[in-house]
Amino acid sequence: MGNPTGSDGDDELICYCFRHSRGDIREDVRRHGHSTILTAVRQAHREGRCRCDTLHPQGR
């Protein structure tokens, strides 16, 4: 059974380029009602500042 606080996997990195964890994103949504992190990551990707192919363990 999962953690009743909803913090399962909060330390898991979701974005290796900018070091955002599952917990960072969860907190961002709690504070803002949506993910400002996702918006920033998408913008960085459009600007060519994303390095997922080299930083993510699975190259994505």
Protein backbone atom coordinates (compact mmCIF):
# COMPACT_ATOMS: atom_id res chain seq x y z
CA MET A 1 0.00 0.00 0.00
CA GLY A 2 1.22 3.55 -0.76
CA ASN A 3 2.22 6.20 1.71
CA PRO A 4 -0.92 7.88 3.12
CA THR A 5 0.72 11.31 2.93
CA GLY A 6 1.02 11.00 -0.84
CA SER A 7 4.80 11.33 -0.75
CA ASP A 8 5.63 8.03 -2.48
CA GLY A 9 8.64 8.55 -4.71
CA ASP A 10 8.99 12.26 -3.92
CA ASP A 11 12.79 12.02 -4.21
CA GLU A 12 12.62 10.42 -7.66
CA LEU A 13 14.08 12.71 -10.30
CA ILE A 14 11.66 13.50 -13.09
CA CYS A 15 13.79 16.10 -14.87
CA TYR A 16 17.48 15.27 -14.93
CA CYS A 17 18.45 18.46 -16.77
CA PHE A 18 17.15 20.79 -14.07
CA ARG A 19 17.07 18.32 -11.15
CA HIS A 20 13.31 18.48 -10.49
CA SER A 21 11.95 15.65 -8.38
CA ARG A 22 8.45 14.21 -8.17
CA GLY A 23 8.09 16.05 -4.84
CA ASP A 24 9.16 19.36 -6.40
CA ILE A 25 6.44 19.02 -9.01
CA ARG A 26 3.85 17.91 -6.46
CA GLU A 27 4.63 20.98 -4.30
CA ASP A 28 4.62 23.27 -7.35
CA VAL A 29 1.11 22.10 -8.28
CA ARG A 30 -0.05 22.43 -4.67
CA ARG A 31 1.20 26.02 -4.50
CA HIS A 32 0.16 27.24 -7.95
CA GLY A 33 -2.70 24.98 -8.99
CA HIS A 34 -0.65 23.83 -12.00
CA SER A 35 2.97 22.99 -12.76
CA THR A 36 5.09 26.05 -13.41
CA ILE A 37 8.04 23.64 -13.53
CA LEU A 38 6.59 21.91 -16.59
CA THR A 39 6.14 25.26 -18.30
CA ALA A 40 9.76 26.23 -17.57
CA VAL A 41 11.11 22.85 -18.73
CA ARG A 42 9.14 23.04 -21.98
CA GLN A 43 10.49 26.55 -22.62
CA ALA A 44 14.06 25.42 -21.91
CA HIS A 45 13.57 22.50 -24.32
CA ARG A 46 12.37 24.87 -27.06
CA GLU A 47 15.46 27.03 -26.42
CA GLY A 48 17.79 24.03 -26.72
CA ARG A 49 18.78 24.05 -23.04
CA CYS A 50 17.59 20.50 -22.41
CA ARG A 51 20.22 17.74 -22.18
CA CYS A 52 18.03 14.71 -21.49
CA ASP A 53 19.88 12.62 -24.06
CA THR A 54 23.08 12.85 -21.99
CA LEU A 55 21.80 13.31 -18.41
CA HIS A 56 18.85 10.90 -18.21
CA PRO A 57 19.95 7.32 -17.50
CA GLN A 58 17.70 6.04 -20.30
CA GLY A 59 18.69 8.78 -22.75
CA ARG A 60 15.30 10.46 -22.99
